[in-house]
Protein backbone atom coordinates (compact mmCIF):
# COMPACT_ATOMS: atom_id res chain seq x y z
CA MET A 1 7.78 1.26 11.34
CA GLU A 2 10.47 1.42 8.22
CA PHE A 3 10.90 -1.89 6.46
CA ASP A 4 14.07 -2.02 3.90
CA ASP A 5 15.29 -3.83 0.99
CA SER A 6 16.85 -6.87 3.34
CA THR A 7 13.42 -8.43 3.89
CA THR A 8 13.44 -11.92 2.49
CA PHE A 9 9.70 -11.80 1.00
CA ARG A 10 9.29 -9.79 -1.87
CA PRO A 11 6.26 -10.75 -4.20
CA TYR A 12 7.08 -8.05 -6.63
CA VAL A 13 11.29 -7.46 -7.49
CA THR A 14 11.91 -4.09 -7.75
CA PRO A 15 15.13 -3.22 -10.59
CA LYS A 16 18.72 -3.20 -8.61
CA ARG A 17 21.44 -1.00 -9.48
CA ASP A 18 23.41 -1.70 -13.11
CA SER A 19 26.62 -3.43 -12.82
CA CYS A 20 27.69 -1.06 -15.06
CA LEU A 21 27.18 2.17 -12.46
CA SER A 22 29.90 0.02 -10.31
CA GLY A 23 32.69 2.13 -11.02
CA PHE A 24 30.75 5.23 -10.76
CA HIS A 25 31.56 5.99 -7.06
CA SER A 26 33.73 8.90 -7.05
CA LYS A 27 34.13 10.23 -10.72
CA ILE A 28 31.98 12.49 -12.30
CA LEU A 29 30.82 11.68 -16.49
CA THR A 30 33.42 14.20 -17.99
CA GLY A 31 33.39 15.04 -21.63
CA THR A 32 30.60 17.77 -22.74
CA THR A 33 29.09 15.17 -25.91
CA TYR A 34 28.45 12.58 -23.48
CA ALA A 35 26.79 14.72 -20.77
CA LEU A 36 24.77 16.74 -22.89
CA ALA A 37 23.49 13.20 -24.23
CA PHE A 38 22.59 11.79 -20.93
CA ILE A 39 20.99 15.30 -20.21
CA THR A 40 18.64 15.06 -23.37
CA LEU A 41 17.60 11.59 -22.20
CA VAL A 42 16.63 12.36 -19.04
CA LEU A 43 14.83 16.00 -20.03
CA SER A 44 12.50 13.47 -22.14
CA ALA A 45 10.90 11.88 -19.01
CA TYR A 46 9.99 15.44 -17.15
CA ALA A 47 7.00 17.12 -17.66
CA VAL A 48 6.83 19.62 -20.20
CA HIS A 49 7.18 22.83 -17.57
CA GLU A 50 9.93 21.55 -16.09
CA THR A 51 11.71 20.58 -19.31
CA LYS A 52 11.23 24.34 -20.66
CA LYS A 53 12.70 25.37 -17.05
CA LEU A 54 15.72 23.58 -17.86
CA ASN A 55 16.24 24.46 -20.93
CA GLU A 56 15.65 28.18 -20.05
CA ARG A 57 18.49 28.23 -17.49
CA ILE A 58 20.72 26.74 -20.13
CA ASP A 59 19.95 29.38 -22.23
CA ALA A 60 20.34 32.27 -20.04
CA GLU A 61 23.38 31.41 -17.85
CA HIS A 62 25.43 29.38 -20.40
CA ALA A 63 25.36 26.78 -17.74
CA ASN A 64 27.10 23.53 -18.25
CA PRO A 65 25.35 20.59 -17.14
CA PHE A 66 27.41 17.90 -15.50
CA LEU A 67 26.21 14.99 -13.46
CA THR A 68 27.37 13.59 -10.09
CA LEU A 69 26.89 11.02 -7.58
CA ASN A 70 25.06 13.29 -5.07
CA GLU A 71 23.90 17.15 -5.44
CA ILE A 72 27.31 18.70 -4.93
CA GLU A 73 26.29 22.00 -3.88
CA ALA A 74 22.60 23.36 -2.75
CA ASN A 75 23.29 26.44 -4.53
CA MET A 76 23.83 24.54 -8.02
CA GLY A 77 20.11 23.55 -8.28
CA GLY A 78 20.54 20.13 -9.36
CA VAL A 79 18.12 17.75 -10.09
CA SER A 80 17.84 13.99 -9.46
CA LEU A 81 18.23 11.80 -12.34
CA TYR A 82 15.70 9.52 -11.26
CA ARG A 83 13.25 11.99 -10.77
CA GLY A 84 9.74 10.31 -10.74
CA ALA A 85 10.92 6.72 -10.31
CA GLY A 86 8.59 4.20 -8.92
CA SER A 87 5.35 3.30 -9.71
CA TRP A 88 1.54 2.68 -8.57
CA HIS A 89 -0.28 -0.15 -9.14
CA GLU A 90 -4.14 -1.09 -8.19
CA GLN A 91 -4.23 -3.99 -5.66
CA LYS A 92 -7.82 -5.25 -4.35
CA GLY A 93 -10.34 -2.55 -3.25
CA LEU A 94 -12.48 -1.90 -0.31
CA GLU A 95 -15.20 -3.78 -2.26
CA ALA A 96 -13.64 -6.87 -1.06
CA THR A 97 -14.60 -5.59 2.69
CA PRO A 98 -17.39 -7.38 4.36
CA ALA A 99 -18.75 -3.66 4.48
CA ASN A 100 -17.89 -3.17 0.76
CA LYS A 101 -18.29 0.82 0.86
CA GLY A 102 -15.98 3.51 0.21
CA VAL A 103 -14.31 4.94 3.20
CA SER A 104 -12.00 8.12 4.20
CA ASP A 105 -11.04 10.04 7.54
CA TRP A 106 -9.21 6.82 8.97
CA GLN A 107 -5.92 5.23 9.76
CA ALA A 108 -3.59 2.13 8.60
CA VAL A 109 -1.02 0.33 10.74
CA ALA A 110 1.47 -2.23 9.67
CA GLY A 111 1.19 -5.37 12.01
CA GLU A 112 3.70 -8.20 11.25
CA ASP A 113 3.76 -11.02 8.76
CA GLY A 114 1.98 -8.81 6.02
CA GLN A 115 -0.97 -7.59 7.98
CA ILE A 116 -2.20 -3.86 7.67
CA PHE A 117 -4.71 -3.33 9.88
CA LEU A 118 -7.46 -0.60 8.61
CA LEU A 119 -9.67 1.30 11.64
CA GLY A 120 -12.49 3.13 11.65
CA GLY A 121 -13.22 6.57 9.62
CA PHE A 122 -16.47 7.65 7.44
CA ASP A 123 -18.25 5.42 5.10
CA ASP A 124 -20.23 7.14 1.92
CA THR A 125 -23.60 7.00 4.18
CA VAL A 126 -22.10 9.54 6.21
CA ALA A 127 -21.82 6.90 9.19
CA THR A 128 -18.82 7.00 11.48
CA LEU A 129 -17.14 3.66 11.94
CA LYS A 130 -15.60 1.58 14.72
CA SER A 131 -14.62 -1.29 12.58
CA VAL A 132 -11.25 -2.88 12.04
CA TYR A 133 -10.08 -4.98 9.31
CA ALA A 134 -6.65 -6.91 8.95
CA TYR A 135 -5.43 -6.77 4.88
CA ASP A 136 -3.38 -9.60 4.25
CA VAL A 137 -0.77 -8.26 1.37
CA HIS A 138 -0.07 -11.48 0.11
CA ARG A 139 -3.57 -13.36 -0.17
CA GLN A 140 -5.08 -9.90 -0.97
CA THR A 141 -7.93 -10.66 1.51
CA TYR A 142 -9.61 -8.20 4.26
CA THR A 143 -10.34 -9.79 7.57
CA ALA A 144 -13.00 -8.26 9.88
CA LYS A 145 -11.51 -7.81 13.28
CA ALA A 146 -13.14 -6.88 16.92
CA ASN A 147 -14.09 -3.23 16.62
CA MET A 148 -13.35 -0.17 18.79
CA SER A 149 -15.13 0.56 21.57
CA GLU A 150 -16.14 3.87 19.82
CA THR A 151 -16.88 5.47 16.49
CA ARG A 152 -13.99 7.63 15.71
CA GLY A 153 -12.97 9.16 12.84
CA GLN A 154 -10.16 11.85 11.70
CA PHE A 155 -7.97 10.68 14.41
CA GLY A 156 -4.38 9.05 15.36
CA ALA A 157 -3.08 6.02 15.15
CA GLY A 158 -0.06 4.27 15.89
CA TRP A 159 1.71 1.01 17.37
CA PHE A 160 3.79 -0.30 19.95
CA THR A 161 6.17 -2.68 19.67
CA ASP A 162 8.06 -5.56 21.86
CA ALA A 163 11.14 -4.02 23.81
CA SER A 164 12.71 -7.41 23.51
CA THR A 165 11.78 -8.62 19.68
CA GLY A 166 10.99 -5.19 18.04
CA LYS A 167 7.71 -6.55 16.63
CA VAL A 168 4.57 -4.42 16.29
CA THR A 169 1.85 -6.03 19.45
CA THR A 170 -0.20 -3.14 20.27
CA VAL A 171 -2.06 -0.76 17.87
CA ILE A 172 -3.46 2.51 19.69
CA VAL A 173 -5.76 5.23 18.45
CA ALA A 174 -6.67 8.42 19.97
CA ALA A 175 -8.58 11.63 19.76
CA GLY A 176 -10.89 12.47 16.55
CA THR A 177 -14.33 13.07 16.74
CA SER A 178 -17.38 10.32 16.95
CA ASP A 179 -19.49 11.91 14.73
CA SER A 180 -19.49 13.07 11.26
CA ASN A 181 -20.02 16.42 11.85
CA ASN A 182 -17.28 16.63 13.78
CA THR A 183 -18.68 18.20 16.99
CA ASN A 184 -18.14 15.72 19.51
CA ALA A 185 -14.52 15.55 19.70
CA LEU A 186 -12.90 13.03 21.50
CA GLN A 187 -9.90 12.84 24.15
CA THR A 188 -10.31 8.93 24.66
CA SER A 189 -7.74 6.61 23.41
CA GLU A 190 -7.64 2.62 23.13
CA LYS A 191 -5.27 -0.01 23.06
CA TYR A 192 -5.53 -3.17 20.64
CA ASN A 193 -3.93 -6.42 21.49
CA ILE A 194 -2.99 -8.05 18.36
CA ALA A 195 -2.29 -11.57 19.38
CA SER A 196 -5.41 -11.40 21.22
CA ASP A 197 -8.03 -9.78 19.30
CA THR A 198 -9.34 -7.36 21.85
CA TRP A 199 -9.69 -4.10 22.73
CA THR A 200 -9.03 -2.00 26.14
CA SER A 201 -9.50 1.63 27.49
CA GLY A 202 -6.15 3.59 26.93
CA PRO A 203 -5.69 6.87 29.25
CA THR A 204 -7.24 10.17 28.40
CA LEU A 205 -5.53 13.17 26.67
CA LYS A 206 -4.94 16.74 28.25
CA HIS A 207 -6.22 18.31 24.84
CA VAL A 208 -8.25 17.92 21.90
CA HIS A 209 -6.54 16.87 18.96
CA LEU A 210 -9.83 16.82 16.14
CA ASP A 211 -7.77 15.84 13.08
CA GLY A 212 -4.76 15.92 14.31
CA CYS A 213 -1.68 13.24 13.44
CA MET A 214 0.37 11.06 15.42
CA ALA A 215 3.53 9.23 14.46
CA SER A 216 5.04 6.12 16.60
CA THR A 217 8.66 5.39 17.35
CA GLY A 218 7.78 2.09 18.70
CA ASP A 219 8.22 2.51 22.32
CA ALA A 220 6.12 5.62 22.20
CA VAL A 221 3.61 7.48 20.42
CA TYR A 222 3.28 11.12 19.85
CA MET A 223 -0.24 12.83 19.53
CA ILE A 224 0.34 16.15 17.55
CA GLY A 225 -1.64 19.06 16.80
CA GLY A 226 -5.30 18.97 15.12
CA TRP A 227 -8.08 21.30 15.80
CA THR A 228 -9.30 22.58 19.34
CA ALA A 229 -12.78 22.87 18.51
CA TYR A 230 -14.84 22.30 14.84
CA TYR A 231 -12.19 23.86 12.90
CA ASP A 232 -12.08 26.95 14.44
CA ALA A 233 -8.66 27.26 16.03
CA GLY A 234 -5.36 25.11 15.65
CA SER A 235 -2.95 23.48 18.44
CA GLN A 236 0.73 23.59 18.43
CA LYS A 237 -0.11 20.74 21.82
CA VAL A 238 2.13 17.51 21.22
CA GLU A 239 1.39 14.89 23.47
CA LYS A 240 3.33 11.50 24.46
CA LEU A 241 2.59 8.19 25.33
CA THR A 242 4.97 5.55 25.91
CA ARG A 243 4.99 1.53 25.52
CA THR A 244 4.17 0.93 29.48
CA GLY A 245 2.54 4.66 30.16
CA THR A 246 -0.31 5.23 32.24
CA GLU A 247 -1.00 8.41 31.17
CA TRP A 248 -0.05 11.50 28.14
CA SER A 249 2.33 13.91 28.93
CA GLU A 250 3.18 17.12 27.56
CA VAL A 251 6.40 17.61 25.62
CA ALA A 252 7.59 20.21 23.39
CA ASP A 253 4.77 22.26 21.07
CA LEU A 254 4.51 22.32 17.33
CA PRO A 255 6.31 25.66 16.06
CA LEU A 256 3.22 26.68 14.54
CA GLU A 257 -0.47 25.67 15.05
CA LEU A 258 -1.24 22.82 12.59
CA GLY A 259 -4.41 20.90 11.95
CA ASP A 260 -4.81 18.33 8.84
CA CYS A 261 -1.25 17.04 9.23
CA ALA A 262 0.46 14.04 8.27
CA ALA A 263 3.10 12.11 11.08
CA ALA A 264 5.80 9.50 10.89
CA SER A 265 9.07 8.47 12.81
CA LEU A 266 12.37 7.57 11.04
CA ASN A 267 15.62 7.09 12.94
CA GLY A 268 14.27 7.35 16.39
CA LYS A 269 13.08 11.15 15.23
CA VAL A 270 9.64 12.69 14.66
CA TYR A 271 8.45 14.11 11.39
CA VAL A 272 5.35 16.38 10.82
CA VAL A 273 4.90 17.25 7.57
CA GLY A 274 1.87 20.09 5.63
CA GLY A 275 -1.47 20.61 7.10
CA TYR A 276 -3.86 23.31 7.50
CA ASN A 277 -3.05 26.60 9.18
CA ASN A 278 -5.76 29.37 9.19
CA PRO A 279 -6.96 30.83 12.38
CA GLY A 280 -9.79 32.45 10.70
CA TRP A 281 -10.21 29.43 8.29
CA ALA A 282 -11.28 29.82 4.94
CA THR A 283 -12.27 33.40 5.05
CA THR A 284 -8.71 34.71 4.24
CA CYS A 285 -7.28 31.76 2.02
CA THR A 286 -7.27 32.14 -1.26
CA ASP A 287 -4.71 29.14 -2.71
CA ALA A 288 -1.33 27.36 -1.56
CA GLY A 289 1.17 29.35 0.38
CA ASN A 290 -0.90 32.30 2.07
CA GLY A 291 -0.83 31.00 5.46
CA CYS A 292 -3.81 28.06 4.67
CA PHE A 293 -2.60 24.40 3.40
CA GLN A 294 1.29 24.13 4.59
CA ASN A 295 4.12 22.54 2.91
CA LYS A 296 6.49 22.65 5.97
CA LEU A 297 8.19 19.77 7.47
CA TYR A 298 9.39 19.99 11.25
CA GLU A 299 11.65 17.11 12.94
CA TYR A 300 11.01 16.67 16.72
CA ASP A 301 14.28 15.14 18.41
CA PRO A 302 13.20 13.28 21.64
CA THR A 303 16.40 13.24 23.17
CA THR A 304 16.76 16.98 23.33
CA ASN A 305 12.99 17.42 22.99
CA ALA A 306 13.19 20.24 20.50
CA TRP A 307 11.73 20.96 17.16
CA THR A 308 13.73 21.86 13.65
CA GLU A 309 12.08 22.98 10.81
CA LYS A 310 13.84 21.13 7.85
CA ALA A 311 13.37 21.41 3.83
CA PRO A 312 9.71 22.59 2.56
CA MET A 313 7.75 20.42 0.34
CA LYS A 314 7.63 21.78 -3.17
CA GLN A 315 3.72 21.13 -2.39
CA HIS A 316 1.44 22.70 -0.07
CA ARG A 317 -1.34 20.43 0.90
CA GLY A 318 -3.34 19.06 4.04
CA ASP A 319 -5.09 15.92 4.65
CA LEU A 320 -1.79 14.03 3.51
CA GLN A 321 0.04 11.04 4.53
CA LEU A 322 3.55 10.83 5.62
CA VAL A 323 5.30 6.97 5.74
CA ALA A 324 8.63 6.23 6.24
CA ARG A 325 10.35 3.59 4.03
CA GLY A 326 14.41 2.42 4.00
CA GLY A 327 15.49 5.44 5.36
CA LYS A 328 12.95 7.98 3.58
CA LEU A 329 10.01 9.90 4.07
CA LEU A 330 7.07 9.60 1.40
CA ALA A 331 4.81 12.44 1.27
CA ILE A 332 1.47 11.22 -0.64
CA GLY A 333 -1.82 12.90 -1.65
CA GLY A 334 -3.19 15.41 -0.19
CA GLU A 335 -6.03 18.35 -0.27
CA ILE A 336 -5.62 21.54 -2.15
CA TRP A 337 -7.98 24.59 -3.17
CA HIS A 338 -9.49 24.41 -6.55
CA ALA A 339 -12.14 27.50 -5.71
CA LYS A 340 -12.11 30.45 -3.71
CA ARG A 341 -14.93 31.81 -1.08
CA ASP A 342 -17.27 34.07 -3.16
CA ALA A 343 -18.99 37.10 -1.61
CA SER A 344 -21.63 35.23 0.26
CA GLY A 345 -19.23 32.16 1.02
CA HIS A 346 -20.45 29.89 -1.07
CA SER A 347 -18.32 27.71 -3.56
CA VAL A 348 -15.00 26.87 -1.73
CA ASP A 349 -13.94 23.62 -3.13
CA LYS A 350 -11.19 21.46 -1.99
CA LEU A 351 -9.85 18.60 -4.44
CA ALA A 352 -7.34 15.89 -3.84
CA SER A 353 -4.19 15.89 -5.16
CA HIS A 354 -1.96 13.49 -6.99
CA TYR A 355 1.35 14.96 -5.52
CA VAL A 356 3.78 12.03 -4.14
CA GLU A 357 7.64 13.57 -2.74
CA GLU A 358 10.25 11.45 -1.36
CA TYR A 359 12.29 12.96 1.21
CA PHE A 360 16.06 12.57 2.33
CA PRO A 361 17.01 12.99 5.83
CA GLU A 362 21.07 12.75 5.19
CA LEU A 363 21.06 15.58 2.18
CA ASN A 364 17.53 17.43 3.72
CA ARG A 365 15.86 17.19 0.23
CA TRP A 366 12.44 16.28 -1.75
CA GLU A 367 12.25 14.47 -4.93
CA ALA A 368 8.93 14.33 -7.08
CA ARG A 369 7.96 10.25 -7.63
CA GLN A 370 5.43 8.83 -9.57
CA PRO A 371 2.30 10.42 -8.86
CA LEU A 372 -0.62 8.65 -7.51
CA GLY A 373 -3.10 6.97 -9.90
CA THR A 374 -5.96 8.44 -8.05
CA ALA A 375 -5.94 11.72 -6.31
CA ARG A 376 -6.80 10.94 -2.86
CA PHE A 377 -6.90 12.82 0.36
CA ARG A 378 -8.37 11.89 3.89
CA PHE A 379 -7.37 8.45 3.06
CA ALA A 380 -5.19 5.56 5.22
CA ALA A 381 -1.46 4.49 4.25
CA ALA A 382 1.07 2.17 5.56
CA THR A 383 4.03 -0.08 4.14
CA SER A 384 4.62 -3.37 4.05
CA GLU A 385 7.10 -6.12 2.57
CA TRP A 386 5.61 -5.04 -0.98
CA GLY A 387 5.38 -1.40 -1.01
CA THR A 388 3.48 1.59 0.30
CA HIS A 389 -0.25 1.22 0.52
CA VAL A 390 -2.99 3.86 0.22
CA PHE A 391 -6.90 3.03 0.79
CA GLY A 392 -10.06 4.91 0.14
CA GLY A 393 -9.92 8.37 0.92
CA SER A 394 -12.17 11.26 -0.63
CA SER A 395 -11.47 13.12 -3.95
CA VAL A 396 -13.29 16.73 -3.16
CA CYS A 397 -15.31 18.67 -0.95
CA ALA A 398 -17.41 21.11 -2.12
CA THR A 399 -20.06 23.74 -0.26
CA PRO A 400 -22.66 24.29 -2.92
CA THR A 401 -25.15 25.60 -0.55
CA GLY A 402 -23.11 27.56 1.86
CA THR A 403 -22.84 24.90 4.44
CA TYR A 404 -19.02 23.35 5.17
CA ASP A 405 -17.96 20.05 4.42
CA GLU A 406 -20.33 18.44 1.74
CA CYS A 407 -17.38 15.63 1.62
CA HIS A 408 -19.52 12.29 2.37
CA GLY A 409 -20.81 10.54 -0.36
CA TYR A 410 -17.27 10.63 -2.57
CA GLN A 411 -14.91 8.20 -0.65
CA HIS A 412 -13.22 5.79 -3.01
CA LYS A 413 -13.11 2.01 -2.66
CA SER A 414 -9.59 1.65 -4.51
CA HIS A 415 -6.03 0.09 -2.93
CA GLU A 416 -2.85 1.12 -4.59
CA VAL A 417 0.63 0.18 -4.13
CA TYR A 418 3.82 2.03 -4.37
CA PHE A 419 6.57 0.21 -5.75
CA GLU A 420 9.93 1.91 -5.32
CA LEU A 421 12.87 1.51 -8.11
CA SER A 422 16.19 0.82 -6.68
CA HIS A 423 18.91 3.66 -8.46
CA PRO A 424 21.70 5.67 -7.51
CA ASN A 425 21.81 8.96 -6.50
CA VAL A 426 22.95 10.54 -9.61
CA TYR A 427 22.51 14.35 -10.00
CA VAL A 428 22.12 16.74 -12.90
CA ASN A 429 24.13 19.85 -11.70
CA PHE A 430 24.44 23.53 -13.58
CA ASP A 431 27.90 25.57 -12.91
CA SER A 432 28.39 28.22 -15.30
CA SER A 433 32.23 28.38 -13.58
CA HIS A 434 32.20 24.72 -14.55
CA THR A 435 35.09 23.45 -16.19
CA TYR A 436 35.84 19.95 -17.75
């Protein structure tokens, strides 16, 4: 589900475009002095390593930096003038819930009228949950709702809309595990009727999707990838359930086996990003980019039943969240490697990241955004008319005794919201052949 800037209720008003830019639509700023002055202002906001990299390129290539409304050619290596735009703010945390516990490996689904439904997961006592809460973004309150019929963690969650009104009426959960040791993979699904606050059984999945990801187009949901047996083998399988469907049907496989992935739908297409791919699990993993944590982005078109690889994220990560908002995708947080296995198989540490990147489908491009205030992975995320919300999650998984996945007890109770900064598409470009 997407929200755009046309919503009538916005408790926090984001900055709008300055009127002084109104005449900027088709012009390139000219004059070396003015351009370099603007560039200096831009670079002052970048991280030190980014500033150093840009300066080195100017020196090495004698390139003339100039500004455009869009990146004019991919090979020019332009960067957004508003890189890092937006901000994260803390909101009412999970200590306000009746359970008053940190939660990880759960899901969030945005409903109507400022409601976000928080579902299942693992709490900080290593218990698997069946609880459901409705968070009111206006009043910042958590209300307990009817429980799911079975405990469920590391699962997929989505929604169906009404065919006539387009409003969200039903929440659906599927797959995952019923125990925190991940030994009992589920192939069941359940549907939640928001109006009646009741759950009913859904059809059984054809495949195991432990720690897979789900995307919703409103009229259908897609259960994607995951693990098939306790993290020993990944899955490329994708299953679809329509709004009125009575069984899951298989669609085109993912191009790559992926567990710990993230998915979202935008403009009728399904996007899957990040995740983990390594049949040997961690025995051959060292750090990012070696075939373990992924940065790949895949786009699925239901009309052609085909996947297309798109521009990769800048950062490799798994157990992140992907949300759609305002015609763009936001990839948030996620799990990264910190330490390698030693000879005895001990000391594999996985840490939460602060990474946030925004994807622009029309440009097939990612841009860095304001980092998360609290690093987290295995968290829940959803959008509202306010902004993009993240709830709970974990900060680290460590194996000091050699047994896998001592993640429990590190769950967060915090809740943050990302507010976007509205701005024009202005890019800093480099081209040594450009003349003014």
